Amino acid sequence: MKQAILVAILWVGTGIGSLAQTPVYQLRIYKLHPGNEAHFHDRFRDQCIPIMKRYGFDIVLTSQSGPIGHAEFVYLLRWKDRATQSQAWKKFLADEEWIAIKKASTAKFGDLVDEVQDRSLDMLPYTPAPSRVP
């Protein structure tokens, strides 16, 4: 019985805490330069993600859409709040290792990304709880 009460208190407490601070999601869409898709994926997977993790980037998903030659790389980030999002991006973009990697890959392969779309998504009060279905 005590365990059931404790679980109920934790469940309610977690729910109330999450209402006070709703996460911000960030959707980023990169139009990849034709012919450089593999170079982009290698750089993002092997070099970009480890640096992003250093600054607290929570990558929820990565995917690709569009036909060959018109590929778009799409990824979704989750942030504690907008202030955290802003600070992490500032640190990442100023990271000396990232600056050197981007400069070297551009010199070797040319542009890997032609266009970037960036949207911050605020959760609405009626957003359903996350599904457990993959």
Protein backbone atom coordinates (compact mmCIF):
# COMPACT_ATOMS: atom_id res chain seq x y z
CA MET A 1 0.00 0.00 0.00
CA LYS A 2 2.80 2.42 0.90
CA GLN A 3 4.46 1.68 -2.42
CA ALA A 4 1.26 2.47 -4.32
CA ILE A 5 0.94 5.81 -2.52
CA LEU A 6 4.57 6.64 -3.22
CA VAL A 7 4.15 5.78 -6.90
CA ALA A 8 1.01 7.95 -7.08
CA ILE A 9 2.81 10.89 -5.42
CA LEU A 10 5.76 10.56 -7.79
CA TRP A 11 3.46 10.31 -10.79
CA VAL A 12 1.47 13.41 -9.81
CA GLY A 13 4.64 15.30 -8.83
CA THR A 14 6.27 14.50 -12.15
CA GLY A 15 3.16 15.63 -14.02
CA ILE A 16 2.98 18.92 -12.14
CA GLY A 17 6.69 19.54 -12.65
CA SER A 18 6.40 18.92 -16.36
CA LEU A 19 3.57 21.45 -16.63
CA ALA A 20 5.80 24.11 -15.11
CA GLN A 21 8.54 23.53 -17.66
CA THR A 22 7.51 22.28 -21.06
CA PRO A 23 10.23 21.21 -23.46
CA VAL A 24 10.91 23.02 -26.70
CA TYR A 25 11.42 20.95 -29.82
CA GLN A 26 13.48 22.20 -32.72
CA LEU A 27 12.96 20.94 -36.26
CA ARG A 28 15.88 21.41 -38.63
CA ILE A 29 15.75 20.63 -42.33
CA TYR A 30 18.88 20.75 -44.48
CA LYS A 31 18.65 20.71 -48.27
CA LEU A 32 21.72 18.65 -49.13
CA HIS A 33 23.96 19.63 -52.01
CA PRO A 34 23.54 17.07 -54.83
CA GLY A 35 26.44 14.62 -54.91
CA ASN A 36 27.55 15.42 -51.36
CA GLU A 37 24.90 13.47 -49.44
CA ALA A 38 27.33 10.76 -48.27
CA HIS A 39 29.93 13.34 -47.21
CA PHE A 40 27.28 15.22 -45.24
CA HIS A 41 26.06 12.09 -43.44
CA ASP A 42 29.63 11.03 -42.61
CA ARG A 43 30.38 14.46 -41.14
CA PHE A 44 27.12 14.74 -39.21
CA ARG A 45 27.28 11.21 -37.79
CA ASP A 46 30.99 11.01 -37.01
CA GLN A 47 31.93 14.60 -36.17
CA CYS A 48 28.92 16.81 -35.59
CA ILE A 49 26.91 14.60 -33.21
CA PRO A 50 29.77 14.10 -30.72
CA ILE A 51 30.33 17.87 -30.51
CA MET A 52 26.61 18.53 -30.19
CA LYS A 53 26.38 16.06 -27.31
CA ARG A 54 29.09 18.00 -25.46
CA TYR A 55 26.74 20.99 -25.40
CA GLY A 56 23.62 19.11 -24.36
CA PHE A 57 21.91 18.62 -27.73
CA ASP A 58 19.20 15.97 -27.32
CA ILE A 59 18.73 14.54 -30.80
CA VAL A 60 15.33 12.82 -30.87
CA LEU A 61 15.45 11.61 -34.47
CA THR A 62 17.31 11.93 -37.73
CA SER A 63 15.84 11.10 -41.14
CA GLN A 64 16.11 11.84 -44.82
CA SER A 65 13.36 12.73 -47.27
CA GLY A 66 13.16 13.50 -50.94
CA PRO A 67 14.52 11.76 -54.02
CA ILE A 68 18.21 11.35 -54.83
CA GLY A 69 19.60 14.67 -56.01
CA HIS A 70 17.01 16.55 -53.95
CA ALA A 71 17.62 14.98 -50.55
CA GLU A 72 16.72 16.73 -47.34
CA PHE A 73 18.20 15.77 -43.99
CA VAL A 74 15.68 16.27 -41.20
CA TYR A 75 16.34 16.11 -37.49
CA LEU A 76 14.46 16.91 -34.34
CA LEU A 77 16.03 18.24 -31.15
CA ARG A 78 14.50 18.46 -27.69
CA TRP A 79 15.47 21.27 -25.32
CA LYS A 80 14.64 21.98 -21.68
CA ASP A 81 13.70 25.56 -22.65
CA ARG A 82 14.54 28.28 -25.17
CA ALA A 83 17.36 29.71 -23.05
CA THR A 84 19.11 26.31 -23.02
CA GLN A 85 18.55 26.00 -26.77
CA SER A 86 20.05 29.41 -27.47
CA GLN A 87 23.09 28.90 -25.24
CA ALA A 88 23.86 25.45 -26.66
CA TRP A 89 23.75 26.71 -30.25
CA LYS A 90 26.03 29.65 -29.42
CA LYS A 91 28.57 27.30 -27.84
CA PHE A 92 28.36 24.78 -30.68
CA LEU A 93 28.77 27.37 -33.44
CA ALA A 94 31.76 28.89 -31.61
CA ASP A 95 33.41 25.51 -30.98
CA GLU A 96 36.90 25.57 -32.51
CA GLU A 97 36.80 21.89 -33.43
CA TRP A 98 33.47 22.33 -35.26
CA ILE A 99 34.73 25.43 -37.09
CA ALA A 100 37.83 23.53 -38.26
CA ILE A 101 35.79 20.49 -39.35
CA LYS A 102 33.35 22.59 -41.34
CA LYS A 103 36.18 24.55 -42.98
CA ALA A 104 38.09 21.37 -43.91
CA SER A 105 35.05 19.55 -45.32
CA THR A 106 34.03 22.60 -47.37
CA ALA A 107 37.56 22.92 -48.77
CA LYS A 108 37.62 19.23 -49.70
CA PHE A 109 34.04 18.68 -50.98
CA GLY A 110 32.49 22.10 -51.49
CA ASP A 111 29.15 22.95 -49.93
CA LEU A 112 27.43 20.03 -48.23
CA VAL A 113 24.25 21.96 -47.41
CA ASP A 114 22.48 24.38 -49.75
CA GLU A 115 19.72 25.60 -47.43
CA VAL A 116 18.77 25.34 -43.75
CA GLN A 117 15.26 25.61 -42.35
CA ASP A 118 14.94 25.97 -38.59
CA ARG A 119 11.75 25.92 -36.54
CA SER A 120 11.33 25.99 -32.77
CA LEU A 121 8.19 24.14 -31.75
CA ASP A 122 6.44 24.95 -28.48
CA MET A 123 4.28 22.21 -27.03
CA LEU A 124 0.57 22.94 -26.76
CA PRO A 125 -1.36 22.12 -23.60
CA TYR A 126 -3.35 19.42 -25.41
CA THR A 127 -0.32 17.64 -26.87
CA PRO A 128 -0.76 13.89 -26.24
CA ALA A 129 1.76 12.06 -24.11
CA PRO A 130 4.59 10.47 -26.14
CA SER A 131 3.62 7.17 -27.73
CA ARG A 132 5.52 4.02 -26.91
CA VAL A 133 4.98 2.74 -30.44
CA PRO A 134 8.14 3.07 -32.53
